[in-house]
Amino acid sequence: MASPILFWAISALHLGIGNAASVSHLEPWQIGLGGGAITIHGSGFSEDVFNQFDPVLGNKVWFANELVSISCQTPINWNFLLENPQDPSTNKITCDLPPRVGNKGSDWFNLILKVDGEDVQNHVAVRYTSGRTPRIKNVVPRYGRVGDKVSLVGKIFTKEYGNSNF
């Protein structure tokens, strides 16, 4: 006869008890008005980033304030500035948050996450802010010929500062 503990453990695995996804934090928690890459850290995420045969499976990410809901695209289509964000991971989801359109509602957008069709409870949010939006203040020289070097003066937020490989 099987022990009750073994029966409970097998039932728990079958029902998914103990495998619940959780979110610990976002990086970055502030983003410019033009959007950008967001990394969600936690555990229990789906390794199958998306599933073409069953649209419920995989990780589905949205951010919403009281009036607007925005889909955060995962996997990211572009990755020239990121370290292989397409790697499936049960600890990390990287998605592309689009630019904020208009000023409806709060600047704070709460994370809405579904992993394999199940809602993941969390208390994290990202803030759209003009203070994190790159700005070009000046172009030097203002005129030139094709092939001349140009300097852009302003502020930019990136971990690839000075990279000329793109």
C-alpha atoms as a PDB file:
ATOM      1  CA  MET A   1       0.000   0.000   0.000  1.00  0.00           C
ATOM      2  CA  ALA A   2       1.338   3.440  -0.936  1.00  0.00           C
ATOM      3  CA  SER A   3       1.966   5.880   1.881  1.00  0.00           C
ATOM      4  CA  PRO A   4      -0.337   8.936   2.205  1.00  0.00           C
ATOM      5  CA  ILE A   5       2.689  11.246   1.896  1.00  0.00           C
ATOM      6  CA  LEU A   6       3.727   9.704  -1.423  1.00  0.00           C
ATOM      7  CA  PHE A   7       0.141   9.954  -2.687  1.00  0.00           C
ATOM      8  CA  TRP A   8      -0.043  13.652  -1.625  1.00  0.00           C
ATOM      9  CA  ALA A   9       3.318  14.447  -3.302  1.00  0.00           C
ATOM     10  CA  ILE A  10       2.262  12.835  -6.582  1.00  0.00           C
ATOM     11  CA  SER A  11      -1.121  14.652  -6.444  1.00  0.00           C
ATOM     12  CA  ALA A  12       0.559  17.980  -5.704  1.00  0.00           C
ATOM     13  CA  LEU A  13       2.887  17.580  -8.690  1.00  0.00           C
ATOM     14  CA  HIS A  14       0.000  16.592 -10.932  1.00  0.00           C
ATOM     15  CA  LEU A  15      -2.116  19.579  -9.841  1.00  0.00           C
ATOM     16  CA  GLY A  16       0.802  22.011 -10.006  1.00  0.00           C
ATOM     17  CA  ILE A  17       0.746  22.763  -6.263  1.00  0.00           C
ATOM     18  CA  GLY A  18       4.123  24.080  -5.167  1.00  0.00           C
ATOM     19  CA  ASN A  19       5.094  25.097  -8.709  1.00  0.00           C
ATOM     20  CA  ALA A  20       3.334  28.482  -8.631  1.00  0.00           C
ATOM     21  CA  ALA A  21       5.103  31.298 -10.390  1.00  0.00           C
ATOM     22  CA  SER A  22       6.113  34.363  -8.408  1.00  0.00           C
ATOM     23  CA  VAL A  23       7.557  37.777  -9.232  1.00  0.00           C
ATOM     24  CA  SER A  24      10.290  39.350  -7.105  1.00  0.00           C
ATOM     25  CA  HIS A  25      11.056  42.579  -9.000  1.00  0.00           C
ATOM     26  CA  LEU A  26      11.317  44.410 -12.343  1.00  0.00           C
ATOM     27  CA  GLU A  27      14.341  45.946 -14.037  1.00  0.00           C
ATOM     28  CA  PRO A  28      14.172  48.841 -14.678  1.00  0.00           C
ATOM     29  CA  TRP A  29      11.219  50.052 -12.592  1.00  0.00           C
ATOM     30  CA  GLN A  30      11.228  53.398 -14.448  1.00  0.00           C
ATOM     31  CA  ILE A  31      11.236  53.696 -18.238  1.00  0.00           C
ATOM     32  CA  GLY A  32      11.225  56.528 -20.761  1.00  0.00           C
ATOM     33  CA  LEU A  33       8.098  57.548 -22.653  1.00  0.00           C
ATOM     34  CA  GLY A  34       9.490  55.714 -25.716  1.00  0.00           C
ATOM     35  CA  GLY A  35       9.293  52.338 -23.953  1.00  0.00           C
ATOM     36  CA  GLY A  36      12.049  49.722 -23.935  1.00  0.00           C
ATOM     37  CA  ALA A  37      13.111  46.360 -22.563  1.00  0.00           C
ATOM     38  CA  ILE A  38      11.760  45.253 -19.181  1.00  0.00           C
ATOM     39  CA  THR A  39      13.116  42.239 -17.289  1.00  0.00           C
ATOM     40  CA  ILE A  40      10.814  40.482 -14.839  1.00  0.00           C
ATOM     41  CA  HIS A  41      12.664  38.497 -12.166  1.00  0.00           C
ATOM     42  CA  GLY A  42      11.088  35.692 -10.171  1.00  0.00           C
ATOM     43  CA  SER A  43      10.548  31.949 -10.342  1.00  0.00           C
ATOM     44  CA  GLY A  44       8.252  29.364 -11.881  1.00  0.00           C
ATOM     45  CA  PHE A  45       7.980  31.040 -15.303  1.00  0.00           C
ATOM     46  CA  SER A  46       7.322  28.959 -18.403  1.00  0.00           C
ATOM     47  CA  GLU A  47      10.426  27.820 -20.291  1.00  0.00           C
ATOM     48  CA  ASP A  48       8.292  27.764 -23.432  1.00  0.00           C
ATOM     49  CA  VAL A  49       8.290  31.520 -24.127  1.00  0.00           C
ATOM     50  CA  PHE A  50       5.360  31.095 -26.506  1.00  0.00           C
ATOM     51  CA  ASN A  51       3.506  28.171 -28.035  1.00  0.00           C
ATOM     52  CA  GLN A  52       2.229  28.434 -31.598  1.00  0.00           C
ATOM     53  CA  PHE A  53      -0.173  25.511 -31.186  1.00  0.00           C
ATOM     54  CA  ASP A  54      -1.756  26.566 -27.872  1.00  0.00           C
ATOM     55  CA  PRO A  55      -1.946  30.347 -27.389  1.00  0.00           C
ATOM     56  CA  VAL A  56      -2.699  29.896 -23.666  1.00  0.00           C
ATOM     57  CA  LEU A  57       0.704  28.327 -22.941  1.00  0.00           C
ATOM     58  CA  GLY A  58       3.826  30.380 -22.341  1.00  0.00           C
ATOM     59  CA  ASN A  59       4.388  33.711 -20.598  1.00  0.00           C
ATOM     60  CA  LYS A  60       1.899  36.506 -21.368  1.00  0.00           C
ATOM     61  CA  VAL A  61       2.798  39.969 -20.092  1.00  0.00           C
ATOM     62  CA  TRP A  62       0.766  43.187 -19.898  1.00  0.00           C
ATOM     63  CA  PHE A  63       1.110  46.409 -17.980  1.00  0.00           C
ATOM     64  CA  ALA A  64      -1.980  48.438 -17.060  1.00  0.00           C
ATOM     65  CA  ASN A  65      -2.969  51.571 -15.221  1.00  0.00           C
ATOM     66  CA  GLU A  66      -6.578  52.399 -14.370  1.00  0.00           C
ATOM     67  CA  LEU A  67      -7.453  53.273 -18.012  1.00  0.00           C
ATOM     68  CA  VAL A  68      -4.973  51.671 -20.412  1.00  0.00           C
ATOM     69  CA  SER A  69      -3.599  48.151 -20.891  1.00  0.00           C
ATOM     70  CA  ILE A  70      -0.361  47.618 -22.866  1.00  0.00           C
ATOM     71  CA  SER A  71       0.950  44.271 -24.117  1.00  0.00           C
ATOM     72  CA  CYS A  72       4.647  43.708 -23.452  1.00  0.00           C
ATOM     73  CA  GLN A  73       5.994  41.660 -26.368  1.00  0.00           C
ATOM     74  CA  THR A  74       7.844  38.484 -25.490  1.00  0.00           C
ATOM     75  CA  PRO A  75      10.060  37.258 -27.052  1.00  0.00           C
ATOM     76  CA  ILE A  76      11.653  40.508 -28.146  1.00  0.00           C
ATOM     77  CA  ASN A  77      12.000  40.925 -31.921  1.00  0.00           C
ATOM     78  CA  TRP A  78      15.226  42.900 -31.639  1.00  0.00           C
ATOM     79  CA  ASN A  79      18.177  41.936 -29.480  1.00  0.00           C
ATOM     80  CA  PHE A  80      21.223  43.807 -30.746  1.00  0.00           C
ATOM     81  CA  LEU A  81      21.711  45.558 -27.378  1.00  0.00           C
ATOM     82  CA  LEU A  82      20.660  42.742 -25.056  1.00  0.00           C
ATOM     83  CA  GLU A  83      22.505  39.667 -23.865  1.00  0.00           C
ATOM     84  CA  ASN A  84      20.496  36.880 -25.511  1.00  0.00           C
ATOM     85  CA  PRO A  85      17.050  37.699 -24.060  1.00  0.00           C
ATOM     86  CA  GLN A  86      15.498  34.833 -26.019  1.00  0.00           C
ATOM     87  CA  ASP A  87      17.013  32.196 -23.726  1.00  0.00           C
ATOM     88  CA  PRO A  88      14.104  30.395 -22.086  1.00  0.00           C
ATOM     89  CA  SER A  89      14.338  30.783 -18.332  1.00  0.00           C
ATOM     90  CA  THR A  90      12.107  29.918 -15.412  1.00  0.00           C
ATOM     91  CA  ASN A  91      13.664  32.830 -13.443  1.00  0.00           C
ATOM     92  CA  LYS A  92      13.501  35.712 -15.914  1.00  0.00           C
ATOM     93  CA  ILE A  93      11.196  37.126 -18.612  1.00  0.00           C
ATOM     94  CA  THR A  94      12.434  39.909 -20.887  1.00  0.00           C
ATOM     95  CA  CYS A  95       9.814  41.772 -22.879  1.00  0.00           C
ATOM     96  CA  ASP A  96       9.545  44.885 -25.040  1.00  0.00           C
ATOM     97  CA  LEU A  97       7.283  47.541 -23.544  1.00  0.00           C
ATOM     98  CA  PRO A  98       6.023  49.864 -26.311  1.00  0.00           C
ATOM     99  CA  PRO A  99       5.973  53.667 -26.095  1.00  0.00           C
ATOM    100  CA  ARG A 100       3.320  55.277 -23.937  1.00  0.00           C
ATOM    101  CA  VAL A 101       0.527  56.670 -26.080  1.00  0.00           C
ATOM    102  CA  GLY A 102      -1.185  59.750 -24.645  1.00  0.00           C
ATOM    103  CA  ASN A 103      -1.523  60.706 -20.992  1.00  0.00           C
ATOM    104  CA  LYS A 104      -4.549  58.664 -19.947  1.00  0.00           C
ATOM    105  CA  GLY A 105      -4.404  57.595 -16.328  1.00  0.00           C
ATOM    106  CA  SER A 106      -1.471  57.256 -13.983  1.00  0.00           C
ATOM    107  CA  ASP A 107       2.210  57.068 -14.983  1.00  0.00           C
ATOM    108  CA  TRP A 108       2.395  53.813 -12.978  1.00  0.00           C
ATOM    109  CA  PHE A 109       1.511  50.612 -14.864  1.00  0.00           C
ATOM    110  CA  ASN A 110       0.959  47.425 -12.844  1.00  0.00           C
ATOM    111  CA  LEU A 111       2.273  44.102 -14.102  1.00  0.00           C
ATOM    112  CA  ILE A 112      -0.308  41.567 -15.288  1.00  0.00           C
ATOM    113  CA  LEU A 113       1.351  38.188 -15.867  1.00  0.00           C
ATOM    114  CA  LYS A 114      -0.032  34.840 -16.980  1.00  0.00           C
ATOM    115  CA  VAL A 115       2.156  31.746 -16.969  1.00  0.00           C
ATOM    116  CA  ASP A 116       0.689  28.821 -18.907  1.00  0.00           C
ATOM    117  CA  GLY A 117      -2.777  30.363 -18.570  1.00  0.00           C
ATOM    118  CA  GLU A 118      -2.583  30.979 -14.798  1.00  0.00           C
ATOM    119  CA  ASP A 119      -2.636  34.493 -13.290  1.00  0.00           C
ATOM    120  CA  VAL A 120       0.476  35.319 -11.253  1.00  0.00           C
ATOM    121  CA  GLN A 121      -0.279  37.532  -8.261  1.00  0.00           C
ATOM    122  CA  ASN A 122       2.280  40.317  -7.749  1.00  0.00           C
ATOM    123  CA  HIS A 123       2.673  43.879  -6.522  1.00  0.00           C
ATOM    124  CA  VAL A 124       5.169  45.317  -9.000  1.00  0.00           C
ATOM    125  CA  ALA A 125       4.775  48.209 -11.403  1.00  0.00           C
ATOM    126  CA  VAL A 126       6.769  50.221 -13.913  1.00  0.00           C
ATOM    127  CA  ARG A 127       6.623  53.992 -14.236  1.00  0.00           C
ATOM    128  CA  TYR A 128       6.711  55.837 -17.559  1.00  0.00           C
ATOM    129  CA  THR A 129       8.627  59.075 -16.990  1.00  0.00           C
ATOM    130  CA  SER A 130       9.922  61.852 -19.213  1.00  0.00           C
ATOM    131  CA  GLY A 131      13.035  61.990 -17.004  1.00  0.00           C
ATOM    132  CA  ARG A 132      14.170  58.623 -18.434  1.00  0.00           C
ATOM    133  CA  THR A 133      13.404  59.570 -22.032  1.00  0.00           C
ATOM    134  CA  PRO A 134      16.503  60.131 -24.220  1.00  0.00           C
ATOM    135  CA  ARG A 135      16.745  63.659 -25.594  1.00  0.00           C
ATOM    136  CA  ILE A 136      18.903  65.130 -28.353  1.00  0.00           C
ATOM    137  CA  LYS A 137      19.744  68.750 -27.535  1.00  0.00           C
ATOM    138  CA  ASN A 138      22.184  69.527 -30.302  1.00  0.00           C
ATOM    139  CA  VAL A 139      23.723  68.077 -33.474  1.00  0.00           C
ATOM    140  CA  VAL A 140      27.296  69.225 -34.243  1.00  0.00           C
ATOM    141  CA  PRO A 141      28.031  70.192 -36.958  1.00  0.00           C
ATOM    142  CA  ARG A 142      24.593  71.255 -38.160  1.00  0.00           C
ATOM    143  CA  TYR A 143      25.629  70.804 -41.796  1.00  0.00           C
ATOM    144  CA  GLY A 144      28.087  68.536 -43.563  1.00  0.00           C
ATOM    145  CA  ARG A 145      28.756  66.130 -46.384  1.00  0.00           C
ATOM    146  CA  VAL A 146      27.855  62.476 -46.665  1.00  0.00           C
ATOM    147  CA  GLY A 147      30.313  60.493 -44.531  1.00  0.00           C
ATOM    148  CA  ASP A 148      31.212  63.399 -42.174  1.00  0.00           C
ATOM    149  CA  LYS A 149      31.250  62.547 -38.450  1.00  0.00           C
ATOM    150  CA  VAL A 150      28.402  63.970 -36.414  1.00  0.00           C
ATOM    151  CA  SER A 151      28.202  64.451 -32.639  1.00  0.00           C
ATOM    152  CA  LEU A 152      24.889  64.170 -30.843  1.00  0.00           C
ATOM    153  CA  VAL A 153      24.647  66.147 -27.600  1.00  0.00           C
ATOM    154  CA  GLY A 154      21.991  65.236 -25.060  1.00  0.00           C
ATOM    155  CA  LYS A 155      21.153  62.466 -22.621  1.00  0.00           C
ATOM    156  CA  ILE A 156      20.672  58.771 -23.210  1.00  0.00           C
ATOM    157  CA  PHE A 157      20.051  55.784 -20.926  1.00  0.00           C
ATOM    158  CA  THR A 158      21.775  52.623 -22.114  1.00  0.00           C
ATOM    159  CA  LYS A 159      24.273  50.042 -20.975  1.00  0.00           C
ATOM    160  CA  GLU A 160      25.923  50.148 -24.426  1.00  0.00           C
ATOM    161  CA  TYR A 161      27.176  53.755 -24.249  1.00  0.00           C
ATOM    162  CA  GLY A 162      29.785  54.380 -26.919  1.00  0.00           C
ATOM    163  CA  ASN A 163      29.030  51.161 -28.792  1.00  0.00           C
ATOM    164  CA  SER A 164      29.359  51.678 -32.552  1.00  0.00           C
ATOM    165  CA  ASN A 165      28.493  48.105 -33.513  1.00  0.00           C
ATOM    166  CA  PHE A 166      24.890  48.778 -34.501  1.00  0.00           C
END
